[in-house]
């Protein structure tokens, strides 16, 4: 009898069929793994968006300097305190706030500024026209931020002897971007509200509860806190977060 050599056609076909079954199972497993990975990423991104919105609003409301308004139920306007410090150097139209002074954020052009006018015993207010970094000097050994004022300081306002307040009036609102997505945006409103700059998103449309805000008044009529709820959907995966954000008493 002749010795059988090689693989017959039947065996080859069986091997190919088994390989196809194994490959199909592997592909199904890979597709399922990728789908689960995408779903997990979408859920995580949706949760991250709602946390970002809450963190931005929480931080800004925590530094409210008084004037706070909830507009409708999808916007809030707040005067947010940036820094209270004594100037280490001043002339008629400039102040230097030392780098050692604790600041919520660095002052910038467009912010509001107030210094105590000792002659009339009330705050003198103006707008910051420009802001720049000040290098170390004899009067400001740690350096700081140099603020050019929109108006000259009155002689009766010794800014170097009393604290100077700098705050920023901003409006946080839901707006629709050019691609149709809804975002939380920030508008600078010191001298009139400008265009919205994106902060976090995309969110659900306002009609679907993407962002809802409600002022909670205190007994004296001031806003004690703001109830905030946020909803976002990424690739059909939704996340939501609701909390009550406190508002400090006006300084």
C-alpha atoms as a PDB file:
ATOM      1  CA  UNK A   1       0.000   0.000   0.000  1.00  0.00           C
ATOM      2  CA  UNK A   2       1.152   3.533  -0.759  1.00  0.00           C
ATOM      3  CA  UNK A   3       1.846   5.781   2.233  1.00  0.00           C
ATOM      4  CA  UNK A   4      -0.553   8.740   2.407  1.00  0.00           C
ATOM      5  CA  UNK A   5       1.253  12.087   2.074  1.00  0.00           C
ATOM      6  CA  UNK A   6       0.102  15.738   2.580  1.00  0.00           C
ATOM      7  CA  UNK A   7      -3.373  16.951   3.356  1.00  0.00           C
ATOM      8  CA  UNK A   8      -6.401  16.059   1.385  1.00  0.00           C
ATOM      9  CA  UNK A   9      -8.924  18.544   0.040  1.00  0.00           C
ATOM     10  CA  UNK A  10     -11.515  17.542   2.649  1.00  0.00           C
ATOM     11  CA  UNK A  11      -9.128  18.153   5.526  1.00  0.00           C
ATOM     12  CA  UNK A  12      -8.136  21.543   4.045  1.00  0.00           C
ATOM     13  CA  UNK A  13     -11.756  22.607   3.735  1.00  0.00           C
ATOM     14  CA  UNK A  14     -12.443  21.576   7.329  1.00  0.00           C
ATOM     15  CA  UNK A  15      -9.416  23.547   8.527  1.00  0.00           C
ATOM     16  CA  UNK A  16     -10.521  26.634   6.602  1.00  0.00           C
ATOM     17  CA  UNK A  17     -14.038  26.346   8.020  1.00  0.00           C
ATOM     18  CA  UNK A  18     -12.698  26.074  11.575  1.00  0.00           C
ATOM     19  CA  UNK A  19     -10.403  29.046  10.998  1.00  0.00           C
ATOM     20  CA  UNK A  20     -13.342  31.093   9.685  1.00  0.00           C
ATOM     21  CA  UNK A  21     -15.418  30.214  12.760  1.00  0.00           C
ATOM     22  CA  UNK A  22     -12.567  31.172  15.092  1.00  0.00           C
ATOM     23  CA  UNK A  23     -11.932  34.422  13.170  1.00  0.00           C
ATOM     24  CA  UNK A  24     -15.641  35.334  13.244  1.00  0.00           C
ATOM     25  CA  UNK A  25     -15.781  34.736  16.999  1.00  0.00           C
ATOM     26  CA  UNK A  26     -12.682  36.831  17.511  1.00  0.00           C
ATOM     27  CA  UNK A  27     -14.130  39.652  15.399  1.00  0.00           C
ATOM     28  CA  UNK A  28     -17.395  39.573  17.349  1.00  0.00           C
ATOM     29  CA  UNK A  29     -15.447  39.764  20.600  1.00  0.00           C
ATOM     30  CA  UNK A  30     -13.348  42.657  19.287  1.00  0.00           C
ATOM     31  CA  UNK A  31     -16.424  44.548  18.069  1.00  0.00           C
ATOM     32  CA  UNK A  32     -18.132  44.051  21.425  1.00  0.00           C
ATOM     33  CA  UNK A  33     -14.994  45.189  23.255  1.00  0.00           C
ATOM     34  CA  UNK A  34     -14.722  48.335  21.118  1.00  0.00           C
ATOM     35  CA  UNK A  35     -18.430  49.074  21.612  1.00  0.00           C
ATOM     36  CA  UNK A  36     -18.088  48.718  25.385  1.00  0.00           C
ATOM     37  CA  UNK A  37     -14.972  50.906  25.304  1.00  0.00           C
ATOM     38  CA  UNK A  38     -16.766  53.610  23.302  1.00  0.00           C
ATOM     39  CA  UNK A  39     -19.791  53.445  25.611  1.00  0.00           C
ATOM     40  CA  UNK A  40     -17.572  53.760  28.675  1.00  0.00           C
ATOM     41  CA  UNK A  41     -15.753  56.749  27.149  1.00  0.00           C
ATOM     42  CA  UNK A  42     -19.059  58.398  26.219  1.00  0.00           C
ATOM     43  CA  UNK A  43     -20.453  57.964  29.743  1.00  0.00           C
ATOM     44  CA  UNK A  44     -17.221  59.294  31.236  1.00  0.00           C
ATOM     45  CA  UNK A  45     -17.214  62.303  28.883  1.00  0.00           C
ATOM     46  CA  UNK A  46     -20.856  63.132  29.666  1.00  0.00           C
ATOM     47  CA  UNK A  47     -20.106  62.954  33.390  1.00  0.00           C
ATOM     48  CA  UNK A  48     -17.010  65.118  32.897  1.00  0.00           C
ATOM     49  CA  UNK A  49     -19.033  67.794  31.083  1.00  0.00           C
ATOM     50  CA  UNK A  50     -21.620  68.165  33.848  1.00  0.00           C
ATOM     51  CA  UNK A  51     -18.851  68.266  36.471  1.00  0.00           C
ATOM     52  CA  UNK A  52     -17.034  70.992  34.521  1.00  0.00           C
ATOM     53  CA  UNK A  53     -20.178  73.135  34.373  1.00  0.00           C
ATOM     54  CA  UNK A  54     -20.806  72.729  38.087  1.00  0.00           C
ATOM     55  CA  UNK A  55     -17.188  73.441  39.000  1.00  0.00           C
ATOM     56  CA  UNK A  56     -17.084  76.641  36.944  1.00  0.00           C
ATOM     57  CA  UNK A  57     -20.343  77.930  38.429  1.00  0.00           C
ATOM     58  CA  UNK A  58     -19.414  76.840  41.958  1.00  0.00           C
ATOM     59  CA  UNK A  59     -16.056  78.633  41.822  1.00  0.00           C
ATOM     60  CA  UNK A  60     -17.471  81.848  40.353  1.00  0.00           C
ATOM     61  CA  UNK A  61     -20.417  82.012  42.761  1.00  0.00           C
ATOM     62  CA  UNK A  62     -18.082  81.361  45.700  1.00  0.00           C
ATOM     63  CA  UNK A  63     -16.261  84.611  44.789  1.00  0.00           C
ATOM     64  CA  UNK A  64     -19.382  86.693  44.167  1.00  0.00           C
ATOM     65  CA  UNK A  65     -18.836  90.271  45.287  1.00  0.00           C
ATOM     66  CA  UNK A  66     -22.516  91.100  45.629  1.00  0.00           C
ATOM     67  CA  UNK A  67     -24.305  91.834  42.378  1.00  0.00           C
ATOM     68  CA  UNK A  68     -25.764  88.489  41.315  1.00  0.00           C
ATOM     69  CA  UNK A  69     -28.759  87.948  39.060  1.00  0.00           C
ATOM     70  CA  UNK A  70     -30.323  84.763  37.772  1.00  0.00           C
ATOM     71  CA  UNK A  71     -31.733  85.619  34.343  1.00  0.00           C
ATOM     72  CA  UNK A  72     -34.641  83.413  33.392  1.00  0.00           C
ATOM     73  CA  UNK A  73     -33.507  79.920  34.293  1.00  0.00           C
ATOM     74  CA  UNK A  74     -30.558  79.446  31.926  1.00  0.00           C
ATOM     75  CA  UNK A  75     -28.195  82.327  32.790  1.00  0.00           C
ATOM     76  CA  UNK A  76     -26.583  83.957  35.805  1.00  0.00           C
ATOM     77  CA  UNK A  77     -24.718  87.273  35.957  1.00  0.00           C
ATOM     78  CA  UNK A  78     -22.246  87.735  38.782  1.00  0.00           C
ATOM     79  CA  UNK A  79     -19.659  90.274  39.880  1.00  0.00           C
ATOM     80  CA  UNK A  80     -16.823  87.892  40.758  1.00  0.00           C
ATOM     81  CA  UNK A  81     -14.073  89.160  43.040  1.00  0.00           C
ATOM     82  CA  UNK A  82     -10.557  88.640  41.672  1.00  0.00           C
ATOM     83  CA  UNK A  83      -8.271  90.199  44.276  1.00  0.00           C
ATOM     84  CA  UNK A  84      -8.238  92.468  47.334  1.00  0.00           C
ATOM     85  CA  UNK A  85      -4.783  93.920  47.957  1.00  0.00           C
ATOM     86  CA  UNK A  86      -2.821  97.003  48.911  1.00  0.00           C
ATOM     87  CA  UNK A  87      -0.911  98.551  46.015  1.00  0.00           C
ATOM     88  CA  UNK A  88       2.872  98.483  46.431  1.00  0.00           C
ATOM     89  CA  UNK A  89       3.285 101.308  43.909  1.00  0.00           C
ATOM     90  CA  UNK A  90       1.014 103.928  42.394  1.00  0.00           C
ATOM     91  CA  UNK A  91       0.913 107.048  40.311  1.00  0.00           C
ATOM     92  CA  UNK A  92      -2.028 108.952  38.858  1.00  0.00           C
ATOM     93  CA  UNK A  93      -3.108 106.381  36.292  1.00  0.00           C
ATOM     94  CA  UNK A  94      -1.340 103.181  37.375  1.00  0.00           C
ATOM     95  CA  UNK A  95      -1.294 100.799  40.293  1.00  0.00           C
ATOM     96  CA  UNK A  96       0.915  97.805  40.971  1.00  0.00           C
ATOM     97  CA  UNK A  97      -0.603  95.013  43.046  1.00  0.00           C
ATOM     98  CA  UNK A  98       2.091  92.793  44.612  1.00  0.00           C
ATOM     99  CA  UNK A  99       2.568  89.228  43.431  1.00  0.00           C
ATOM    100  CA  UNK A 100       2.463  88.081  47.067  1.00  0.00           C
ATOM    101  CA  UNK A 101      -1.189  89.118  47.435  1.00  0.00           C
ATOM    102  CA  UNK A 102      -3.584  86.129  47.255  1.00  0.00           C
ATOM    103  CA  UNK A 103      -5.723  86.344  44.122  1.00  0.00           C
ATOM    104  CA  UNK A 104      -8.658  84.317  42.823  1.00  0.00           C
ATOM    105  CA  UNK A 105      -7.356  85.051  39.323  1.00  0.00           C
ATOM    106  CA  UNK A 106      -5.028  87.592  37.770  1.00  0.00           C
ATOM    107  CA  UNK A 107      -6.726  90.939  36.955  1.00  0.00           C
ATOM    108  CA  UNK A 108      -7.043  91.771  33.274  1.00  0.00           C
ATOM    109  CA  UNK A 109      -8.199  94.568  31.007  1.00  0.00           C
ATOM    110  CA  UNK A 110     -11.929  95.168  31.324  1.00  0.00           C
ATOM    111  CA  UNK A 111     -12.110  94.342  35.035  1.00  0.00           C
ATOM    112  CA  UNK A 112     -13.596  96.816  37.502  1.00  0.00           C
ATOM    113  CA  UNK A 113     -11.508  98.402  40.253  1.00  0.00           C
ATOM    114  CA  UNK A 114     -12.417 100.297  43.427  1.00  0.00           C
ATOM    115  CA  UNK A 115     -10.285 102.185  45.947  1.00  0.00           C
ATOM    116  CA  UNK A 116     -11.437 104.050  49.042  1.00  0.00           C
ATOM    117  CA  UNK A 117     -11.721 107.811  48.608  1.00  0.00           C
ATOM    118  CA  UNK A 118     -10.877 109.031  52.108  1.00  0.00           C
ATOM    119  CA  UNK A 119     -12.111 112.567  51.436  1.00  0.00           C
ATOM    120  CA  UNK A 120     -15.710 111.639  50.652  1.00  0.00           C
ATOM    121  CA  UNK A 121     -15.544 108.325  52.575  1.00  0.00           C
ATOM    122  CA  UNK A 122     -16.767 106.120  49.762  1.00  0.00           C
ATOM    123  CA  UNK A 123     -15.254 103.915  47.106  1.00  0.00           C
ATOM    124  CA  UNK A 124     -13.914 105.454  43.928  1.00  0.00           C
ATOM    125  CA  UNK A 125     -14.453 103.151  40.965  1.00  0.00           C
ATOM    126  CA  UNK A 126     -13.039 102.810  37.484  1.00  0.00           C
ATOM    127  CA  UNK A 127     -12.222 100.184  34.837  1.00  0.00           C
ATOM    128  CA  UNK A 128      -8.859  98.508  34.255  1.00  0.00           C
ATOM    129  CA  UNK A 129      -7.745  99.704  30.829  1.00  0.00           C
ATOM    130  CA  UNK A 130      -4.704  97.404  30.603  1.00  0.00           C
ATOM    131  CA  UNK A 131      -2.837  94.861  32.706  1.00  0.00           C
ATOM    132  CA  UNK A 132       0.788  93.736  32.491  1.00  0.00           C
ATOM    133  CA  UNK A 133       3.419  91.959  34.564  1.00  0.00           C
ATOM    134  CA  UNK A 134       5.534  94.230  36.763  1.00  0.00           C
ATOM    135  CA  UNK A 135       9.119  93.202  37.416  1.00  0.00           C
ATOM    136  CA  UNK A 136      10.637  93.407  40.892  1.00  0.00           C
ATOM    137  CA  UNK A 137      11.497  96.921  42.049  1.00  0.00           C
ATOM    138  CA  UNK A 138      12.404  98.736  45.248  1.00  0.00           C
ATOM    139  CA  UNK A 139       8.743  99.382  46.097  1.00  0.00           C
ATOM    140  CA  UNK A 140       7.533  95.985  44.853  1.00  0.00           C
ATOM    141  CA  UNK A 141      10.357  93.514  45.632  1.00  0.00           C
ATOM    142  CA  UNK A 142       8.283  90.496  44.556  1.00  0.00           C
ATOM    143  CA  UNK A 143       6.987  92.138  41.389  1.00  0.00           C
ATOM    144  CA  UNK A 144       3.299  91.993  40.620  1.00  0.00           C
ATOM    145  CA  UNK A 145       0.673  93.046  38.124  1.00  0.00           C
ATOM    146  CA  UNK A 146       0.617  96.601  36.775  1.00  0.00           C
ATOM    147  CA  UNK A 147      -2.857  97.996  36.158  1.00  0.00           C
ATOM    148  CA  UNK A 148      -3.473 100.991  33.898  1.00  0.00           C
ATOM    149  CA  UNK A 149      -6.653 102.697  35.030  1.00  0.00           C
ATOM    150  CA  UNK A 150      -9.440 104.080  32.900  1.00  0.00           C
ATOM    151  CA  UNK A 151      -9.370 107.320  34.926  1.00  0.00           C
ATOM    152  CA  UNK A 152      -6.770 109.060  37.060  1.00  0.00           C
ATOM    153  CA  UNK A 153      -6.880 108.363  40.778  1.00  0.00           C
ATOM    154  CA  UNK A 154      -8.199 111.270  42.846  1.00  0.00           C
ATOM    155  CA  UNK A 155      -5.689 112.728  45.272  1.00  0.00           C
ATOM    156  CA  UNK A 156      -7.985 111.785  48.149  1.00  0.00           C
ATOM    157  CA  UNK A 157      -7.816 108.050  47.335  1.00  0.00           C
ATOM    158  CA  UNK A 158      -4.531 106.786  48.840  1.00  0.00           C
ATOM    159  CA  UNK A 159      -4.542 103.407  47.129  1.00  0.00           C
ATOM    160  CA  UNK A 160      -1.300 102.394  48.811  1.00  0.00           C
ATOM    161  CA  UNK A 161      -2.856 102.753  52.251  1.00  0.00           C
ATOM    162  CA  UNK A 162      -6.191 100.982  51.769  1.00  0.00           C
ATOM    163  CA  UNK A 163      -7.199  97.763  50.015  1.00  0.00           C
ATOM    164  CA  UNK A 164      -8.012  97.894  46.335  1.00  0.00           C
ATOM    165  CA  UNK A 165     -10.792  95.624  45.057  1.00  0.00           C
ATOM    166  CA  UNK A 166     -10.780  94.179  41.545  1.00  0.00           C
ATOM    167  CA  UNK A 167     -13.773  92.268  40.259  1.00  0.00           C
ATOM    168  CA  UNK A 168     -15.124  90.982  36.965  1.00  0.00           C
ATOM    169  CA  UNK A 169     -18.776  91.062  35.913  1.00  0.00           C
ATOM    170  CA  UNK A 170     -19.506  87.967  33.876  1.00  0.00           C
ATOM    171  CA  UNK A 171     -22.616  86.243  32.574  1.00  0.00           C
ATOM    172  CA  UNK A 172     -22.723  82.467  32.283  1.00  0.00           C
ATOM    173  CA  UNK A 173     -25.382  81.336  29.866  1.00  0.00           C
ATOM    174  CA  UNK A 174     -26.364  78.513  27.540  1.00  0.00           C
ATOM    175  CA  UNK A 175     -25.867  79.406  23.890  1.00  0.00           C
ATOM    176  CA  UNK A 176     -26.069  77.617  20.556  1.00  0.00           C
ATOM    177  CA  UNK A 177     -22.828  77.302  18.611  1.00  0.00           C
ATOM    178  CA  UNK A 178     -22.497  77.418  14.850  1.00  0.00           C
ATOM    179  CA  UNK A 179     -22.615  73.625  14.590  1.00  0.00           C
ATOM    180  CA  UNK A 180     -25.963  73.539  16.408  1.00  0.00           C
ATOM    181  CA  UNK A 181     -24.551  72.221  19.707  1.00  0.00           C
ATOM    182  CA  UNK A 182     -25.449  73.914  23.008  1.00  0.00           C
ATOM    183  CA  UNK A 183     -22.658  75.096  25.314  1.00  0.00           C
ATOM    184  CA  UNK A 184     -22.134  76.897  28.590  1.00  0.00           C
ATOM    185  CA  UNK A 185     -20.579  80.211  27.587  1.00  0.00           C
ATOM    186  CA  UNK A 186     -19.028  83.151  29.431  1.00  0.00           C
ATOM    187  CA  UNK A 187     -19.774  86.747  28.455  1.00  0.00           C
ATOM    188  CA  UNK A 188     -17.734  89.615  29.883  1.00  0.00           C
ATOM    189  CA  UNK A 189     -20.265  92.234  31.009  1.00  0.00           C
ATOM    190  CA  UNK A 190     -18.235  94.995  32.692  1.00  0.00           C
ATOM    191  CA  UNK A 191     -19.157  97.611  30.090  1.00  0.00           C
ATOM    192  CA  UNK A 192     -21.786  95.665  28.153  1.00  0.00           C
ATOM    193  CA  UNK A 193     -21.890  91.945  27.499  1.00  0.00           C
ATOM    194  CA  UNK A 194     -19.624  90.730  24.713  1.00  0.00           C
ATOM    195  CA  UNK A 195     -19.726  87.543  22.669  1.00  0.00           C
ATOM    196  CA  UNK A 196     -19.971  84.230  24.504  1.00  0.00           C
ATOM    197  CA  UNK A 197     -16.782  82.231  24.906  1.00  0.00           C
ATOM    198  CA  UNK A 198     -17.257  78.441  25.245  1.00  0.00           C
ATOM    199  CA  UNK A 199     -16.594  77.010  28.702  1.00  0.00           C
ATOM    200  CA  UNK A 200     -18.016  73.467  28.733  1.00  0.00           C
ATOM    201  CA  UNK A 201     -20.264  71.304  26.597  1.00  0.00           C
ATOM    202  CA  UNK A 202     -21.998  70.162  24.579  1.00  0.00           C
ATOM    203  CA  UNK A 203     -25.161  70.177  26.700  1.00  0.00           C
ATOM    204  CA  UNK A 204     -28.715  69.183  25.975  1.00  0.00           C
ATOM    205  CA  UNK A 205     -30.893  72.031  24.617  1.00  0.00           C
ATOM    206  CA  UNK A 206     -32.551  74.252  27.256  1.00  0.00           C
ATOM    207  CA  UNK A 207     -35.932  72.739  26.335  1.00  0.00           C
ATOM    208  CA  UNK A 208     -34.549  69.351  27.441  1.00  0.00           C
ATOM    209  CA  UNK A 209     -33.015  70.601  30.677  1.00  0.00           C
ATOM    210  CA  UNK A 210     -29.442  71.084  29.527  1.00  0.00           C
ATOM    211  CA  UNK A 211     -28.997  73.784  32.175  1.00  0.00           C
ATOM    212  CA  UNK A 212     -31.464  75.031  34.774  1.00  0.00           C
ATOM    213  CA  UNK A 213     -30.759  77.630  37.477  1.00  0.00           C
ATOM    214  CA  UNK A 214     -32.965  79.004  40.233  1.00  0.00           C
ATOM    215  CA  UNK A 215     -32.094  81.643  42.818  1.00  0.00           C
ATOM    216  CA  UNK A 216     -32.806  80.775  46.459  1.00  0.00           C
ATOM    217  CA  UNK A 217     -33.445  84.033  48.364  1.00  0.00           C
ATOM    218  CA  UNK A 218     -32.517  84.685  51.975  1.00  0.00           C
ATOM    219  CA  UNK A 219     -34.832  86.380  54.474  1.00  0.00           C
ATOM    220  CA  UNK A 220     -33.236  89.772  53.738  1.00  0.00           C
ATOM    221  CA  UNK A 221     -33.899  89.410  49.996  1.00  0.00           C
ATOM    222  CA  UNK A 222     -30.339  88.711  48.853  1.00  0.00           C
ATOM    223  CA  UNK A 223     -29.537  85.546  46.917  1.00  0.00           C
ATOM    224  CA  UNK A 224     -28.514  82.916  49.440  1.00  0.00           C
ATOM    225  CA  UNK A 225     -27.703  80.169  46.917  1.00  0.00           C
ATOM    226  CA  UNK A 226     -28.425  78.998  43.389  1.00  0.00           C
ATOM    227  CA  UNK A 227     -29.927  75.624  42.507  1.00  0.00           C
ATOM    228  CA  UNK A 228     -28.175  74.281  39.407  1.00  0.00           C
ATOM    229  CA  UNK A 229     -29.017  71.194  37.355  1.00  0.00           C
ATOM    230  CA  UNK A 230     -27.059  70.114  34.266  1.00  0.00           C
ATOM    231  CA  UNK A 231     -27.668  67.376  31.680  1.00  0.00           C
ATOM    232  CA  UNK A 232     -25.391  66.227  28.867  1.00  0.00           C
ATOM    233  CA  UNK A 233     -25.573  63.414  26.328  1.00  0.00           C
ATOM    234  CA  UNK A 234     -22.589  61.962  24.471  1.00  0.00           C
ATOM    235  CA  UNK A 235     -23.333  59.282  21.857  1.00  0.00           C
ATOM    236  CA  UNK A 236     -26.733  58.496  23.463  1.00  0.00           C
ATOM    237  CA  UNK A 237     -25.183  58.187  26.934  1.00  0.00           C
ATOM    238  CA  UNK A 238     -26.562  60.748  29.390  1.00  0.00           C
ATOM    239  CA  UNK A 239     -25.228  62.225  32.624  1.00  0.00           C
ATOM    240  CA  UNK A 240     -26.850  64.691  34.984  1.00  0.00           C
ATOM    241  CA  UNK A 241     -25.893  66.529  38.145  1.00  0.00           C
ATOM    242  CA  UNK A 242     -27.881  68.808  40.449  1.00  0.00           C
ATOM    243  CA  UNK A 243     -26.733  70.722  43.517  1.00  0.00           C
ATOM    244  CA  UNK A 244     -27.275  73.890  45.545  1.00  0.00           C
ATOM    245  CA  UNK A 245     -24.357  76.307  45.180  1.00  0.00           C
ATOM    246  CA  UNK A 246     -23.890  78.809  48.036  1.00  0.00           C
ATOM    247  CA  UNK A 247     -23.402  82.511  47.429  1.00  0.00           C
ATOM    248  CA  UNK A 248     -21.344  84.485  50.016  1.00  0.00           C
ATOM    249  CA  UNK A 249     -22.669  87.651  51.594  1.00  0.00           C
ATOM    250  CA  UNK A 250     -21.556  90.853  49.883  1.00  0.00           C
ATOM    251  CA  UNK A 251     -18.260  92.180  51.340  1.00  0.00           C
END
